[in-house]
Amino acid sequence: MRILRYLGVRLAFLVPQLFGVALVAFFLLKLIPGDPAPMMLGPLATHEAVDKLRAEMGLDQPLPTQFVAYLGRLVQGDLGRSWQTTNPVLVDLAQRLPATLELVTLALLIAIA
């Protein structure tokens, strides 16, 4: 019974911690100078194309609305699209996972030896 209580307490603390991490990550991304829409479209993009992309990305919405949408996508497992490759972030992460695991494994073997 003590284990269940312990797990319940730990899970109760997990929710506000995850919310805090999401909040900090969201606002750190918002503090980065520049607008991602013109960067994605390139220097020859028209003002109308930039405005359209900003609307598609939800960047024309107020920050609280953007944050709620961000949380909703996170809960669904949607990490969005990469601004550099325009691929879904999960696809980019999955492509790089084997190399990451190889490096972690080798680092652990060196640390243990």
Foldseek 3Di string as FASTA:
>chain_A
DVVVVVVVVVVVVVVVVVVVVLVVVLVVVVPDDDDLLCVLVDDVDDPVSSVVVCVVQVVVPDPVVNSVVCVVCVVVVFNAADSVPRHGVVVVCVVCVVVVVVVVVVVVVVVVD
